[in-house]
Amino acid sequence: MHLAKGKKVIRINWDEYKVHKKYSHRDDNFEILLDFMKSYYNMSSPMDIYDLLRSDEIAQMMLEKRDITDAEGLENYLYKL
């Protein structure tokens, strides 16, 4: 994971995301991405998810579009899903 604690760096696999998207019942690309990260990377921590999203240019734009500026903002967004 993309954490400062020396853990392995993960990059979003956009090809796998596209496969996941085909079978998703959601319409919003960001919500699909969050579901993908939870299932493909087995991530549940908003902080870990946020760190990974911030490390990717496309995902960063998705965060900015929704005015999510930190892990707490992402946690609030996830709670509403």
C-alpha atoms as a PDB file:
ATOM      1  CA  MET A   1       0.000   0.000   0.000  1.00  0.00           C
ATOM      2  CA  HIS A   2       1.112   3.503  -0.550  1.00  0.00           C
ATOM      3  CA  LEU A   3       1.936   4.296   3.045  1.00  0.00           C
ATOM      4  CA  ALA A   4       4.960   5.933   4.620  1.00  0.00           C
ATOM      5  CA  LYS A   5       5.384   2.982   6.982  1.00  0.00           C
ATOM      6  CA  GLY A   6       7.447   1.028   4.466  1.00  0.00           C
ATOM      7  CA  LYS A   7       4.629  -1.057   3.082  1.00  0.00           C
ATOM      8  CA  LYS A   8       4.441  -2.113  -0.539  1.00  0.00           C
ATOM      9  CA  VAL A   9       3.445   0.572  -3.042  1.00  0.00           C
ATOM     10  CA  ILE A  10       0.248  -0.223  -4.928  1.00  0.00           C
ATOM     11  CA  ARG A  11      -0.900   1.388  -8.161  1.00  0.00           C
ATOM     12  CA  ILE A  12      -4.465   1.336  -9.402  1.00  0.00           C
ATOM     13  CA  ASN A  13      -4.783  -1.313 -12.087  1.00  0.00           C
ATOM     14  CA  TRP A  14      -7.051   0.499 -14.540  1.00  0.00           C
ATOM     15  CA  ASP A  15      -7.354  -2.528 -16.840  1.00  0.00           C
ATOM     16  CA  GLU A  16      -8.771  -4.618 -13.987  1.00  0.00           C
ATOM     17  CA  TYR A  17     -10.971  -1.666 -13.020  1.00  0.00           C
ATOM     18  CA  LYS A  18     -12.507  -1.690 -16.516  1.00  0.00           C
ATOM     19  CA  VAL A  19     -13.345  -5.374 -16.143  1.00  0.00           C
ATOM     20  CA  HIS A  20     -14.868  -4.707 -12.722  1.00  0.00           C
ATOM     21  CA  LYS A  21     -16.855  -1.780 -14.133  1.00  0.00           C
ATOM     22  CA  LYS A  22     -18.568  -4.022 -16.697  1.00  0.00           C
ATOM     23  CA  TYR A  23     -20.216  -6.016 -13.912  1.00  0.00           C
ATOM     24  CA  SER A  24     -20.978  -3.153 -11.539  1.00  0.00           C
ATOM     25  CA  HIS A  25     -24.537  -2.096 -10.811  1.00  0.00           C
ATOM     26  CA  ARG A  26     -23.397   1.463 -10.048  1.00  0.00           C
ATOM     27  CA  ASP A  27     -23.470   4.348 -12.516  1.00  0.00           C
ATOM     28  CA  ASP A  28     -20.898   6.635 -10.885  1.00  0.00           C
ATOM     29  CA  ASN A  29     -17.273   5.924 -11.882  1.00  0.00           C
ATOM     30  CA  PHE A  30     -15.941   7.048  -8.496  1.00  0.00           C
ATOM     31  CA  GLU A  31     -18.284   4.723  -6.610  1.00  0.00           C
ATOM     32  CA  ILE A  32     -17.272   1.912  -8.951  1.00  0.00           C
ATOM     33  CA  LEU A  33     -13.617   2.706  -8.229  1.00  0.00           C
ATOM     34  CA  LEU A  34     -14.218   2.584  -4.475  1.00  0.00           C
ATOM     35  CA  ASP A  35     -15.971  -0.792  -4.794  1.00  0.00           C
ATOM     36  CA  PHE A  36     -13.104  -2.008  -6.982  1.00  0.00           C
ATOM     37  CA  MET A  37     -10.498  -0.960  -4.438  1.00  0.00           C
ATOM     38  CA  LYS A  38     -12.384  -2.693  -1.638  1.00  0.00           C
ATOM     39  CA  SER A  39     -12.686  -5.945  -3.564  1.00  0.00           C
ATOM     40  CA  TYR A  40      -9.548  -6.089  -5.756  1.00  0.00           C
ATOM     41  CA  TYR A  41      -7.105  -4.721  -3.168  1.00  0.00           C
ATOM     42  CA  ASN A  42      -9.087  -5.866  -0.108  1.00  0.00           C
ATOM     43  CA  MET A  43      -8.900  -2.371   1.339  1.00  0.00           C
ATOM     44  CA  SER A  44     -11.251  -1.187   4.062  1.00  0.00           C
ATOM     45  CA  SER A  45      -9.388   1.680   5.721  1.00  0.00           C
ATOM     46  CA  PRO A  46     -10.451   5.122   4.423  1.00  0.00           C
ATOM     47  CA  MET A  47      -6.908   6.336   5.110  1.00  0.00           C
ATOM     48  CA  ASP A  48      -5.325   3.612   2.940  1.00  0.00           C
ATOM     49  CA  ILE A  49      -7.900   4.123   0.193  1.00  0.00           C
ATOM     50  CA  TYR A  50      -7.359   7.892   0.289  1.00  0.00           C
ATOM     51  CA  ASP A  51      -3.576   7.508   0.097  1.00  0.00           C
ATOM     52  CA  LEU A  52      -3.902   5.289  -2.968  1.00  0.00           C
ATOM     53  CA  LEU A  53      -6.374   7.662  -4.636  1.00  0.00           C
ATOM     54  CA  ARG A  54      -4.064  10.644  -4.010  1.00  0.00           C
ATOM     55  CA  SER A  55      -1.165   8.800  -5.660  1.00  0.00           C
ATOM     56  CA  ASP A  56      -3.052   8.432  -8.963  1.00  0.00           C
ATOM     57  CA  GLU A  57      -3.700  11.346 -11.310  1.00  0.00           C
ATOM     58  CA  ILE A  58      -7.136  10.193 -12.516  1.00  0.00           C
ATOM     59  CA  ALA A  59      -8.311   9.263  -9.029  1.00  0.00           C
ATOM     60  CA  GLN A  60      -7.068  12.635  -7.759  1.00  0.00           C
ATOM     61  CA  MET A  61      -9.375  14.378 -10.227  1.00  0.00           C
ATOM     62  CA  MET A  62     -12.267  12.249  -8.970  1.00  0.00           C
ATOM     63  CA  LEU A  63     -11.522  13.328  -5.396  1.00  0.00           C
ATOM     64  CA  GLU A  64     -11.289  16.980  -6.381  1.00  0.00           C
ATOM     65  CA  LYS A  65     -14.576  16.807  -8.311  1.00  0.00           C
ATOM     66  CA  ARG A  66     -16.274  15.711  -5.074  1.00  0.00           C
ATOM     67  CA  ASP A  67     -14.350  18.164  -2.869  1.00  0.00           C
ATOM     68  CA  ILE A  68     -12.772  15.327  -0.865  1.00  0.00           C
ATOM     69  CA  THR A  69      -9.571  16.747   0.592  1.00  0.00           C
ATOM     70  CA  ASP A  70      -8.628  14.196   3.258  1.00  0.00           C
ATOM     71  CA  ALA A  71      -9.256  10.690   4.557  1.00  0.00           C
ATOM     72  CA  GLU A  72     -12.002  11.967   6.863  1.00  0.00           C
ATOM     73  CA  GLY A  73     -13.846  13.452   3.890  1.00  0.00           C
ATOM     74  CA  LEU A  74     -13.568  10.120   2.096  1.00  0.00           C
ATOM     75  CA  GLU A  75     -14.841   8.303   5.174  1.00  0.00           C
ATOM     76  CA  ASN A  76     -17.889  10.601   5.231  1.00  0.00           C
ATOM     77  CA  TYR A  77     -18.470   9.930   1.525  1.00  0.00           C
ATOM     78  CA  LEU A  78     -18.196   6.169   2.059  1.00  0.00           C
ATOM     79  CA  TYR A  79     -20.658   6.369   4.944  1.00  0.00           C
ATOM     80  CA  LYS A  80     -23.267   7.910   2.619  1.00  0.00           C
ATOM     81  CA  LEU A  81     -23.004   5.069   0.093  1.00  0.00           C
END
